[in-house]
PDB file of N, CA and C in Angstrom:
ATOM      1  N   MET A   1      -8.190 -68.406 -10.240  1.00  0.00           N
ATOM      2  CA  MET A   1      -9.220 -68.574  -9.228  1.00  0.00           C
ATOM      3  C   MET A   1      -8.852 -67.757  -7.990  1.00  0.00           C
ATOM      4  N   THR A   2      -9.844 -67.194  -7.376  1.00  0.00           N
ATOM      5  CA  THR A   2      -9.600 -66.350  -6.220  1.00  0.00           C
ATOM      6  C   THR A   2      -9.417 -67.198  -4.968  1.00  0.00           C
ATOM      7  N   GLN A   3      -8.662 -66.663  -4.079  1.00  0.00           N
ATOM      8  CA  GLN A   3      -8.365 -67.348  -2.830  1.00  0.00           C
ATOM      9  C   GLN A   3      -9.507 -67.111  -1.838  1.00  0.00           C
ATOM     10  N   PRO A   4      -9.953 -68.151  -1.139  1.00  0.00           N
ATOM     11  CA  PRO A   4     -11.032 -67.969  -0.151  1.00  0.00           C
ATOM     12  C   PRO A   4     -10.498 -67.363   1.148  1.00  0.00           C
ATOM     13  N   TYR A   5     -11.414 -66.855   1.965  1.00  0.00           N
ATOM     14  CA  TYR A   5     -11.052 -66.431   3.310  1.00  0.00           C
ATOM     15  C   TYR A   5     -10.760 -67.689   4.114  1.00  0.00           C
ATOM     16  N   ILE A   6      -9.657 -67.688   4.842  1.00  0.00           N
ATOM     17  CA  ILE A   6      -9.273 -68.887   5.585  1.00  0.00           C
ATOM     18  C   ILE A   6      -9.732 -68.805   7.035  1.00  0.00           C
ATOM     19  N   GLU A   7     -10.174 -69.939   7.524  1.00  0.00           N
ATOM     20  CA  GLU A   7     -10.673 -70.014   8.894  1.00  0.00           C
ATOM     21  C   GLU A   7      -9.535 -69.936   9.901  1.00  0.00           C
ATOM     22  N   ALA A   8      -8.448 -70.655   9.611  1.00  0.00           N
ATOM     23  CA  ALA A   8      -7.287 -70.615  10.513  1.00  0.00           C
ATOM     24  C   ALA A   8      -6.652 -69.237  10.383  1.00  0.00           C
ATOM     25  N   GLN A   9      -6.312 -68.666  11.509  1.00  0.00           N
ATOM     26  CA  GLN A   9      -5.738 -67.326  11.458  1.00  0.00           C
ATOM     27  C   GLN A   9      -4.547 -67.221  12.378  1.00  0.00           C
ATOM     28  N   PRO A  10      -3.605 -66.362  12.004  1.00  0.00           N
ATOM     29  CA  PRO A  10      -2.438 -66.187  12.871  1.00  0.00           C
ATOM     30  C   PRO A  10      -2.812 -65.431  14.138  1.00  0.00           C
ATOM     31  N   ALA A  11      -1.979 -65.551  15.135  1.00  0.00           N
ATOM     32  CA  ALA A  11      -2.151 -64.773  16.370  1.00  0.00           C
ATOM     33  C   ALA A  11      -1.744 -63.333  16.084  1.00  0.00           C
ATOM     34  N   ARG A  12      -2.256 -62.413  16.860  1.00  0.00           N
ATOM     35  CA  ARG A  12      -1.916 -61.001  16.668  1.00  0.00           C
ATOM     36  C   ARG A  12      -0.404 -60.784  16.790  1.00  0.00           C
ATOM     37  N   SER A  13       0.243 -61.491  17.687  1.00  0.00           N
ATOM     38  CA  SER A  13       1.694 -61.339  17.850  1.00  0.00           C
ATOM     39  C   SER A  13       2.438 -61.750  16.576  1.00  0.00           C
ATOM     40  N   GLU A  14       1.932 -62.772  15.875  1.00  0.00           N
ATOM     41  CA  GLU A  14       2.543 -63.190  14.610  1.00  0.00           C
ATOM     42  C   GLU A  14       2.364 -62.110  13.550  1.00  0.00           C
ATOM     43  N   VAL A  15       1.186 -61.508  13.497  1.00  0.00           N
ATOM     44  CA  VAL A  15       0.910 -60.439  12.526  1.00  0.00           C
ATOM     45  C   VAL A  15       1.800 -59.245  12.817  1.00  0.00           C
ATOM     46  N   ASP A  16       1.930 -58.873  14.087  1.00  0.00           N
ATOM     47  CA  ASP A  16       2.769 -57.738  14.462  1.00  0.00           C
ATOM     48  C   ASP A  16       4.232 -57.967  14.095  1.00  0.00           C
ATOM     49  N   ALA A  17       4.655 -59.216  14.002  1.00  0.00           N
ATOM     50  CA  ALA A  17       6.048 -59.549  13.684  1.00  0.00           C
ATOM     51  C   ALA A  17       6.300 -59.712  12.182  1.00  0.00           C
ATOM     52  N   LEU A  18       5.249 -59.626  11.355  1.00  0.00           N
ATOM     53  CA  LEU A  18       5.429 -59.793   9.913  1.00  0.00           C
ATOM     54  C   LEU A  18       6.309 -58.682   9.348  1.00  0.00           C
ATOM     55  N   GLN A  19       7.229 -59.071   8.480  1.00  0.00           N
ATOM     56  CA  GLN A  19       8.115 -58.108   7.834  1.00  0.00           C
ATOM     57  C   GLN A  19       7.610 -57.817   6.432  1.00  0.00           C
ATOM     58  N   GLY A  20       7.834 -56.585   5.986  1.00  0.00           N
ATOM     59  CA  GLY A  20       7.457 -56.202   4.634  1.00  0.00           C
ATOM     60  C   GLY A  20       6.016 -55.739   4.553  1.00  0.00           C
ATOM     61  N   ALA A  21       5.522 -55.712   3.318  1.00  0.00           N
ATOM     62  CA  ALA A  21       4.180 -55.203   3.020  1.00  0.00           C
ATOM     63  C   ALA A  21       3.167 -56.344   3.045  1.00  0.00           C
ATOM     64  N   VAL A  22       2.105 -56.140   3.823  1.00  0.00           N
ATOM     65  CA  VAL A  22       1.059 -57.153   3.984  1.00  0.00           C
ATOM     66  C   VAL A  22      -0.299 -56.472   3.964  1.00  0.00           C
ATOM     67  N   VAL A  23      -1.260 -57.112   3.291  1.00  0.00           N
ATOM     68  CA  VAL A  23      -2.652 -56.668   3.361  1.00  0.00           C
ATOM     69  C   VAL A  23      -3.438 -57.758   4.064  1.00  0.00           C
ATOM     70  N   LEU A  24      -4.011 -57.415   5.209  1.00  0.00           N
ATOM     71  CA  LEU A  24      -4.927 -58.317   5.906  1.00  0.00           C
ATOM     72  C   LEU A  24      -6.320 -57.990   5.407  1.00  0.00           C
ATOM     73  N   ASP A  25      -6.998 -58.973   4.889  1.00  0.00           N
ATOM     74  CA  ASP A  25      -8.318 -58.802   4.281  1.00  0.00           C
ATOM     75  C   ASP A  25      -9.309 -59.589   5.140  1.00  0.00           C
ATOM     76  N   PHE A  26     -10.097 -58.876   5.939  1.00  0.00           N
ATOM     77  CA  PHE A  26     -11.065 -59.522   6.834  1.00  0.00           C
ATOM     78  C   PHE A  26     -12.427 -59.584   6.162  1.00  0.00           C
ATOM     79  N   GLY A  27     -13.044 -60.752   6.164  1.00  0.00           N
ATOM     80  CA  GLY A  27     -14.367 -60.929   5.584  1.00  0.00           C
ATOM     81  C   GLY A  27     -14.812 -62.370   5.723  1.00  0.00           C
ATOM     82  N   THR A  28     -15.800 -62.753   4.904  1.00  0.00           N
ATOM     83  CA  THR A  28     -16.258 -64.146   4.863  1.00  0.00           C
ATOM     84  C   THR A  28     -16.517 -64.531   3.415  1.00  0.00           C
ATOM     85  N   ASN A  29     -16.544 -65.821   3.165  1.00  0.00           N
ATOM     86  CA  ASN A  29     -16.758 -66.308   1.808  1.00  0.00           C
ATOM     87  C   ASN A  29     -18.187 -66.100   1.316  1.00  0.00           C
ATOM     88  N   TRP A  30     -19.142 -65.906   2.225  1.00  0.00           N
ATOM     89  CA  TRP A  30     -20.540 -65.741   1.828  1.00  0.00           C
ATOM     90  C   TRP A  30     -20.980 -64.280   1.780  1.00  0.00           C
ATOM     91  N   CYS A  31     -20.124 -63.356   2.165  1.00  0.00           N
ATOM     92  CA  CYS A  31     -20.467 -61.931   2.244  1.00  0.00           C
ATOM     93  C   CYS A  31     -20.558 -61.296   0.851  1.00  0.00           C
ATOM     94  N   GLY A  32     -21.702 -60.705   0.547  1.00  0.00           N
ATOM     95  CA  GLY A  32     -21.902 -60.058  -0.745  1.00  0.00           C
ATOM     96  C   GLY A  32     -20.965 -58.877  -0.969  1.00  0.00           C
ATOM     97  N   PHE A  33     -20.717 -58.086   0.066  1.00  0.00           N
ATOM     98  CA  PHE A  33     -19.784 -56.952  -0.045  1.00  0.00           C
ATOM     99  C   PHE A  33     -18.372 -57.454  -0.340  1.00  0.00           C
ATOM    100  N   CYS A  34     -18.000 -58.561   0.296  1.00  0.00           N
ATOM    101  CA  CYS A  34     -16.672 -59.146   0.085  1.00  0.00           C
ATOM    102  C   CYS A  34     -16.523 -59.637  -1.354  1.00  0.00           C
ATOM    103  N   LYS A  35     -17.554 -60.303  -1.842  1.00  0.00           N
ATOM    104  CA  LYS A  35     -17.520 -60.804  -3.219  1.00  0.00           C
ATOM    105  C   LYS A  35     -17.459 -59.668  -4.224  1.00  0.00           C
ATOM    106  N   ALA A  36     -18.156 -58.568  -3.944  1.00  0.00           N
ATOM    107  CA  ALA A  36     -18.145 -57.413  -4.853  1.00  0.00           C
ATOM    108  C   ALA A  36     -16.781 -56.736  -4.869  1.00  0.00           C
ATOM    109  N   ALA A  37     -16.110 -56.683  -3.727  1.00  0.00           N
ATOM    110  CA  ALA A  37     -14.812 -56.014  -3.640  1.00  0.00           C
ATOM    111  C   ALA A  37     -13.662 -56.886  -4.141  1.00  0.00           C
ATOM    112  N   GLU A  38     -13.852 -58.175  -4.159  1.00  0.00           N
ATOM    113  CA  GLU A  38     -12.779 -59.107  -4.488  1.00  0.00           C
ATOM    114  C   GLU A  38     -12.070 -58.803  -5.810  1.00  0.00           C
ATOM    115  N   PRO A  39     -12.788 -58.573  -6.924  1.00  0.00           N
ATOM    116  CA  PRO A  39     -12.061 -58.298  -8.170  1.00  0.00           C
ATOM    117  C   PRO A  39     -11.278 -56.988  -8.126  1.00  0.00           C
ATOM    118  N   LEU A  40     -11.782 -55.993  -7.410  1.00  0.00           N
ATOM    119  CA  LEU A  40     -11.069 -54.720  -7.281  1.00  0.00           C
ATOM    120  C   LEU A  40      -9.759 -54.914  -6.513  1.00  0.00           C
ATOM    121  N   VAL A  41      -9.852 -55.635  -5.427  1.00  0.00           N
ATOM    122  CA  VAL A  41      -8.682 -55.876  -4.582  1.00  0.00           C
ATOM    123  C   VAL A  41      -7.654 -56.712  -5.334  1.00  0.00           C
ATOM    124  N   GLU A  42      -8.107 -57.770  -5.980  1.00  0.00           N
ATOM    125  CA  GLU A  42      -7.176 -58.649  -6.682  1.00  0.00           C
ATOM    126  C   GLU A  42      -6.516 -57.950  -7.864  1.00  0.00           C
ATOM    127  N   ALA A  43      -7.258 -57.108  -8.584  1.00  0.00           N
ATOM    128  CA  ALA A  43      -6.676 -56.361  -9.704  1.00  0.00           C
ATOM    129  C   ALA A  43      -5.604 -55.396  -9.205  1.00  0.00           C
ATOM    130  N   ALA A  44      -5.879 -54.726  -8.094  1.00  0.00           N
ATOM    131  CA  ALA A  44      -4.896 -53.791  -7.537  1.00  0.00           C
ATOM    132  C   ALA A  44      -3.665 -54.531  -7.035  1.00  0.00           C
ATOM    133  N   LEU A  45      -3.873 -55.657  -6.363  1.00  0.00           N
ATOM    134  CA  LEU A  45      -2.750 -56.423  -5.832  1.00  0.00           C
ATOM    135  C   LEU A  45      -1.905 -57.046  -6.941  1.00  0.00           C
ATOM    136  N   ALA A  46      -2.496 -57.322  -8.081  1.00  0.00           N
ATOM    137  CA  ALA A  46      -1.749 -57.892  -9.203  1.00  0.00           C
ATOM    138  C   ALA A  46      -0.634 -56.952  -9.655  1.00  0.00           C
ATOM    139  N   GLN A  47      -0.807 -55.667  -9.413  1.00  0.00           N
ATOM    140  CA  GLN A  47       0.204 -54.678  -9.786  1.00  0.00           C
ATOM    141  C   GLN A  47       1.261 -54.497  -8.696  1.00  0.00           C
ATOM    142  N   HIS A  48       1.106 -55.211  -7.593  1.00  0.00           N
ATOM    143  CA  HIS A  48       2.032 -55.134  -6.458  1.00  0.00           C
ATOM    144  C   HIS A  48       2.402 -56.552  -6.019  1.00  0.00           C
ATOM    145  N   PRO A  49       3.173 -57.276  -6.842  1.00  0.00           N
ATOM    146  CA  PRO A  49       3.461 -58.682  -6.529  1.00  0.00           C
ATOM    147  C   PRO A  49       4.252 -58.898  -5.238  1.00  0.00           C
ATOM    148  N   GLY A  50       4.902 -57.872  -4.734  1.00  0.00           N
ATOM    149  CA  GLY A  50       5.670 -58.013  -3.505  1.00  0.00           C
ATOM    150  C   GLY A  50       4.848 -57.880  -2.239  1.00  0.00           C
ATOM    151  N   VAL A  51       3.548 -57.608  -2.391  1.00  0.00           N
ATOM    152  CA  VAL A  51       2.683 -57.432  -1.221  1.00  0.00           C
ATOM    153  C   VAL A  51       2.013 -58.766  -0.890  1.00  0.00           C
ATOM    154  N   ARG A  52       2.150 -59.175   0.333  1.00  0.00           N
ATOM    155  CA  ARG A  52       1.522 -60.420   0.800  1.00  0.00           C
ATOM    156  C   ARG A  52       0.059 -60.139   1.127  1.00  0.00           C
ATOM    157  N   HIS A  53      -0.848 -60.999   0.664  1.00  0.00           N
ATOM    158  CA  HIS A  53      -2.293 -60.829   0.859  1.00  0.00           C
ATOM    159  C   HIS A  53      -2.813 -61.983   1.705  1.00  0.00           C
ATOM    160  N   LEU A  54      -3.291 -61.672   2.900  1.00  0.00           N
ATOM    161  CA  LEU A  54      -3.849 -62.690   3.794  1.00  0.00           C
ATOM    162  C   LEU A  54      -5.344 -62.460   3.947  1.00  0.00           C
ATOM    163  N   LYS A  55      -6.139 -63.391   3.459  1.00  0.00           N
ATOM    164  CA  LYS A  55      -7.597 -63.301   3.594  1.00  0.00           C
ATOM    165  C   LYS A  55      -8.002 -64.104   4.826  1.00  0.00           C
ATOM    166  N   VAL A  56      -8.509 -63.388   5.823  1.00  0.00           N
ATOM    167  CA  VAL A  56      -8.818 -63.983   7.114  1.00  0.00           C
ATOM    168  C   VAL A  56     -10.324 -63.937   7.341  1.00  0.00           C
ATOM    169  N   GLU A  57     -10.895 -65.125   7.584  1.00  0.00           N
ATOM    170  CA  GLU A  57     -12.328 -65.174   7.883  1.00  0.00           C
ATOM    171  C   GLU A  57     -12.576 -64.510   9.231  1.00  0.00           C
ATOM    172  N   ASP A  58     -13.573 -63.654   9.264  1.00  0.00           N
ATOM    173  CA  ASP A  58     -13.875 -62.916  10.476  1.00  0.00           C
ATOM    174  C   ASP A  58     -15.279 -63.268  10.951  1.00  0.00           C
ATOM    175  N   GLY A  59     -15.582 -62.894  12.158  1.00  0.00           N
ATOM    176  CA  GLY A  59     -16.901 -63.126  12.724  1.00  0.00           C
ATOM    177  C   GLY A  59     -16.831 -63.093  14.234  1.00  0.00           C
ATOM    178  N   PRO A  60     -17.963 -63.323  14.893  1.00  0.00           N
ATOM    179  CA  PRO A  60     -17.992 -63.316  16.359  1.00  0.00           C
ATOM    180  C   PRO A  60     -16.983 -64.323  16.930  1.00  0.00           C
ATOM    181  N   GLY A  61     -16.281 -63.896  17.953  1.00  0.00           N
ATOM    182  CA  GLY A  61     -15.333 -64.773  18.616  1.00  0.00           C
ATOM    183  C   GLY A  61     -14.020 -64.949  17.881  1.00  0.00           C
ATOM    184  N   ARG A  62     -13.779 -64.174  16.843  1.00  0.00           N
ATOM    185  CA  ARG A  62     -12.530 -64.276  16.083  1.00  0.00           C
ATOM    186  C   ARG A  62     -11.581 -63.208  16.607  1.00  0.00           C
ATOM    187  N   PRO A  63     -10.559 -63.614  17.363  1.00  0.00           N
ATOM    188  CA  PRO A  63      -9.727 -62.647  18.071  1.00  0.00           C
ATOM    189  C   PRO A  63      -8.916 -61.702  17.188  1.00  0.00           C
ATOM    190  N   LEU A  64      -8.463 -62.156  16.035  1.00  0.00           N
ATOM    191  CA  LEU A  64      -7.641 -61.276  15.202  1.00  0.00           C
ATOM    192  C   LEU A  64      -8.452 -60.086  14.700  1.00  0.00           C
ATOM    193  N   GLY A  65      -9.645 -60.342  14.201  1.00  0.00           N
ATOM    194  CA  GLY A  65     -10.511 -59.253  13.754  1.00  0.00           C
ATOM    195  C   GLY A  65     -10.873 -58.305  14.875  1.00  0.00           C
ATOM    196  N   ARG A  66     -11.117 -58.846  16.060  1.00  0.00           N
ATOM    197  CA  ARG A  66     -11.446 -57.981  17.199  1.00  0.00           C
ATOM    198  C   ARG A  66     -10.248 -57.109  17.577  1.00  0.00           C
ATOM    199  N   SER A  67      -9.043 -57.681  17.479  1.00  0.00           N
ATOM    200  CA  SER A  67      -7.857 -56.909  17.860  1.00  0.00           C
ATOM    201  C   SER A  67      -7.619 -55.735  16.905  1.00  0.00           C
ATOM    202  N   PHE A  68      -8.127 -55.842  15.666  1.00  0.00           N
ATOM    203  CA  PHE A  68      -8.036 -54.746  14.704  1.00  0.00           C
ATOM    204  C   PHE A  68      -9.325 -53.919  14.663  1.00  0.00           C
ATOM    205  N   ARG A  69     -10.249 -54.194  15.556  1.00  0.00           N
ATOM    206  CA  ARG A  69     -11.522 -53.475  15.664  1.00  0.00           C
ATOM    207  C   ARG A  69     -12.314 -53.483  14.348  1.00  0.00           C
ATOM    208  N   VAL A  70     -12.342 -54.653  13.706  1.00  0.00           N
ATOM    209  CA  VAL A  70     -13.098 -54.817  12.465  1.00  0.00           C
ATOM    210  C   VAL A  70     -14.586 -54.833  12.807  1.00  0.00           C
ATOM    211  N   LYS A  71     -15.351 -54.017  12.104  1.00  0.00           N
ATOM    212  CA  LYS A  71     -16.803 -53.933  12.333  1.00  0.00           C
ATOM    213  C   LYS A  71     -17.597 -54.308  11.084  1.00  0.00           C
ATOM    214  N   LEU A  72     -17.059 -53.987   9.898  1.00  0.00           N
ATOM    215  CA  LEU A  72     -17.748 -54.266   8.630  1.00  0.00           C
ATOM    216  C   LEU A  72     -16.824 -55.056   7.716  1.00  0.00           C
ATOM    217  N   TRP A  73     -17.417 -55.812   6.812  1.00  0.00           N
ATOM    218  CA  TRP A  73     -16.644 -56.595   5.845  1.00  0.00           C
ATOM    219  C   TRP A  73     -16.855 -56.063   4.445  1.00  0.00           C
ATOM    220  N   PRO A  74     -15.870 -56.183   3.600  1.00  0.00           N
ATOM    221  CA  PRO A  74     -14.496 -56.487   3.958  1.00  0.00           C
ATOM    222  C   PRO A  74     -13.811 -55.268   4.555  1.00  0.00           C
ATOM    223  N   THR A  75     -12.887 -55.529   5.436  1.00  0.00           N
ATOM    224  CA  THR A  75     -11.992 -54.502   5.947  1.00  0.00           C
ATOM    225  C   THR A  75     -10.581 -54.921   5.559  1.00  0.00           C
ATOM    226  N   LEU A  76      -9.893 -54.021   4.876  1.00  0.00           N
ATOM    227  CA  LEU A  76      -8.514 -54.266   4.465  1.00  0.00           C
ATOM    228  C   LEU A  76      -7.597 -53.436   5.354  1.00  0.00           C
ATOM    229  N   VAL A  77      -6.662 -54.099   5.997  1.00  0.00           N
ATOM    230  CA  VAL A  77      -5.690 -53.433   6.852  1.00  0.00           C
ATOM    231  C   VAL A  77      -4.329 -53.581   6.167  1.00  0.00           C
ATOM    232  N   PHE A  78      -3.716 -52.451   5.854  1.00  0.00           N
ATOM    233  CA  PHE A  78      -2.442 -52.416   5.146  1.00  0.00           C
ATOM    234  C   PHE A  78      -1.324 -52.244   6.172  1.00  0.00           C
ATOM    235  N   LEU A  79      -0.405 -53.215   6.206  1.00  0.00           N
ATOM    236  CA  LEU A  79       0.657 -53.239   7.201  1.00  0.00           C
ATOM    237  C   LEU A  79       2.026 -53.151   6.534  1.00  0.00           C
ATOM    238  N   ARG A  80       2.910 -52.408   7.159  1.00  0.00           N
ATOM    239  CA  ARG A  80       4.317 -52.401   6.771  1.00  0.00           C
ATOM    240  C   ARG A  80       5.106 -52.763   8.016  1.00  0.00           C
ATOM    241  N   ASP A  81       5.813 -53.870   7.949  1.00  0.00           N
ATOM    242  CA  ASP A  81       6.582 -54.383   9.094  1.00  0.00           C
ATOM    243  C   ASP A  81       5.731 -54.480  10.356  1.00  0.00           C
ATOM    244  N   GLY A  82       4.513 -54.991  10.191  1.00  0.00           N
ATOM    245  CA  GLY A  82       3.617 -55.235  11.318  1.00  0.00           C
ATOM    246  C   GLY A  82       2.864 -54.022  11.832  1.00  0.00           C
ATOM    247  N   GLN A  83       3.075 -52.858  11.232  1.00  0.00           N
ATOM    248  CA  GLN A  83       2.414 -51.633  11.674  1.00  0.00           C
ATOM    249  C   GLN A  83       1.368 -51.202  10.657  1.00  0.00           C
ATOM    250  N   GLU A  84       0.183 -50.860  11.127  1.00  0.00           N
ATOM    251  CA  GLU A  84      -0.883 -50.408  10.229  1.00  0.00           C
ATOM    252  C   GLU A  84      -0.536 -49.039   9.654  1.00  0.00           C
ATOM    253  N   VAL A  85      -0.612 -48.939   8.306  1.00  0.00           N
ATOM    254  CA  VAL A  85      -0.343 -47.664   7.631  1.00  0.00           C
ATOM    255  C   VAL A  85      -1.571 -47.146   6.886  1.00  0.00           C
ATOM    256  N   ALA A  86      -2.547 -48.025   6.649  1.00  0.00           N
ATOM    257  CA  ALA A  86      -3.783 -47.615   5.974  1.00  0.00           C
ATOM    258  C   ALA A  86      -4.854 -48.655   6.248  1.00  0.00           C
ATOM    259  N   ARG A  87      -6.112 -48.241   5.997  1.00  0.00           N
ATOM    260  CA  ARG A  87      -7.251 -49.137   6.202  1.00  0.00           C
ATOM    261  C   ARG A  87      -8.346 -48.734   5.226  1.00  0.00           C
ATOM    262  N   LEU A  88      -8.990 -49.728   4.646  1.00  0.00           N
ATOM    263  CA  LEU A  88     -10.148 -49.502   3.782  1.00  0.00           C
ATOM    264  C   LEU A  88     -11.285 -50.396   4.262  1.00  0.00           C
ATOM    265  N   VAL A  89     -12.460 -49.821   4.347  1.00  0.00           N
ATOM    266  CA  VAL A  89     -13.643 -50.585   4.717  1.00  0.00           C
ATOM    267  C   VAL A  89     -14.594 -50.554   3.528  1.00  0.00           C
ATOM    268  N   ARG A  90     -14.978 -51.731   3.070  1.00  0.00           N
ATOM    269  CA  ARG A  90     -15.876 -51.889   1.925  1.00  0.00           C
ATOM    270  C   ARG A  90     -15.442 -51.053   0.718  1.00  0.00           C
ATOM    271  N   PRO A  91     -14.242 -51.318   0.202  1.00  0.00           N
ATOM    272  CA  PRO A  91     -13.777 -50.546  -0.954  1.00  0.00           C
ATOM    273  C   PRO A  91     -14.702 -50.757  -2.151  1.00  0.00           C
ATOM    274  N   SER A  92     -14.973 -49.665  -2.863  1.00  0.00           N
ATOM    275  CA  SER A  92     -15.888 -49.757  -4.007  1.00  0.00           C
ATOM    276  C   SER A  92     -15.222 -49.370  -5.323  1.00  0.00           C
ATOM    277  N   ASP A  93     -13.945 -48.980  -5.275  1.00  0.00           N
ATOM    278  CA  ASP A  93     -13.238 -48.704  -6.527  1.00  0.00           C
ATOM    279  C   ASP A  93     -11.764 -49.059  -6.374  1.00  0.00           C
ATOM    280  N   SER A  94     -11.156 -49.455  -7.478  1.00  0.00           N
ATOM    281  CA  SER A  94      -9.766 -49.905  -7.427  1.00  0.00           C
ATOM    282  C   SER A  94      -8.814 -48.762  -7.125  1.00  0.00           C
ATOM    283  N   GLY A  95      -9.208 -47.520  -7.425  1.00  0.00           N
ATOM    284  CA  GLY A  95      -8.358 -46.372  -7.132  1.00  0.00           C
ATOM    285  C   GLY A  95      -8.072 -46.242  -5.648  1.00  0.00           C
ATOM    286  N   ALA A  96      -9.076 -46.477  -4.821  1.00  0.00           N
ATOM    287  CA  ALA A  96      -8.885 -46.404  -3.368  1.00  0.00           C
ATOM    288  C   ALA A  96      -7.927 -47.501  -2.907  1.00  0.00           C
ATOM    289  N   VAL A  97      -8.053 -48.674  -3.492  1.00  0.00           N
ATOM    290  CA  VAL A  97      -7.166 -49.779  -3.127  1.00  0.00           C
ATOM    291  C   VAL A  97      -5.741 -49.454  -3.569  1.00  0.00           C
ATOM    292  N   GLN A  98      -5.591 -48.919  -4.783  1.00  0.00           N
ATOM    293  CA  GLN A  98      -4.260 -48.539  -5.286  1.00  0.00           C
ATOM    294  C   GLN A  98      -3.627 -47.484  -4.388  1.00  0.00           C
ATOM    295  N   GLN A  99      -4.408 -46.500  -3.979  1.00  0.00           N
ATOM    296  CA  GLN A  99      -3.885 -45.442  -3.120  1.00  0.00           C
ATOM    297  C   GLN A  99      -3.408 -46.010  -1.786  1.00  0.00           C
ATOM    298  N   ALA A 100      -4.187 -46.894  -1.205  1.00  0.00           N
ATOM    299  CA  ALA A 100      -3.786 -47.519   0.056  1.00  0.00           C
ATOM    300  C   ALA A 100      -2.530 -48.374  -0.140  1.00  0.00           C
ATOM    301  N   LEU A 101      -2.456 -49.094  -1.253  1.00  0.00           N
ATOM    302  CA  LEU A 101      -1.263 -49.894  -1.536  1.00  0.00           C
ATOM    303  C   LEU A 101      -0.023 -49.016  -1.684  1.00  0.00           C
ATOM    304  N   SER A 102      -0.194 -47.816  -2.218  1.00  0.00           N
ATOM    305  CA  SER A 102       0.953 -46.921  -2.394  1.00  0.00           C
ATOM    306  C   SER A 102       1.531 -46.494  -1.047  1.00  0.00           C
ATOM    307  N   THR A 103       0.740 -46.511   0.016  1.00  0.00           N
ATOM    308  CA  THR A 103       1.280 -46.156   1.333  1.00  0.00           C
ATOM    309  C   THR A 103       2.250 -47.207   1.832  1.00  0.00           C
ATOM    310  N   LEU A 104       2.153 -48.423   1.312  1.00  0.00           N
ATOM    311  CA  LEU A 104       3.074 -49.480   1.713  1.00  0.00           C
ATOM    312  C   LEU A 104       4.466 -49.266   1.129  1.00  0.00           C
ATOM    313  N   GLU A 105       4.553 -48.503   0.054  1.00  0.00           N
ATOM    314  CA  GLU A 105       5.832 -48.271  -0.613  1.00  0.00           C
ATOM    315  C   GLU A 105       6.591 -47.107   0.001  1.00  0.00           C
ATOM    316  N   GLN A 106       5.913 -46.275   0.764  1.00  0.00           N
ATOM    317  CA  GLN A 106       6.557 -45.096   1.357  1.00  0.00           C
ATOM    318  C   GLN A 106       7.324 -45.518   2.603  1.00  0.00           C
ATOM    319  N   PRO A 107       8.498 -44.890   2.829  1.00  0.00           N
ATOM    320  CA  PRO A 107       9.274 -45.250   4.022  1.00  0.00           C
ATOM    321  C   PRO A 107       8.657 -44.754   5.304  1.00  0.00           C
TER     322      PRO A 107
END
């Protein structure tokens, strides 16, 4: 079963302090684009078990999404040790997700 977008979200300072590879996935549980991208993202992440995947519900008044300048859903922000290394907006193929995930492996 797929994990839902969670309403509770970490503070930006907590995200900036995260160690290792993390994918922040901004969207909502009712978003059609998010639902369409979900199997692509999950299939790609299944090949990268060491990558932490945080699904964060976004919307008006949500400070974490605003701090990353999220405008469309889903937006995937790929972080290595709290620093953004790649970003995908409304991914439509698993190849793009795989390519972005590969940037997390580079030093």
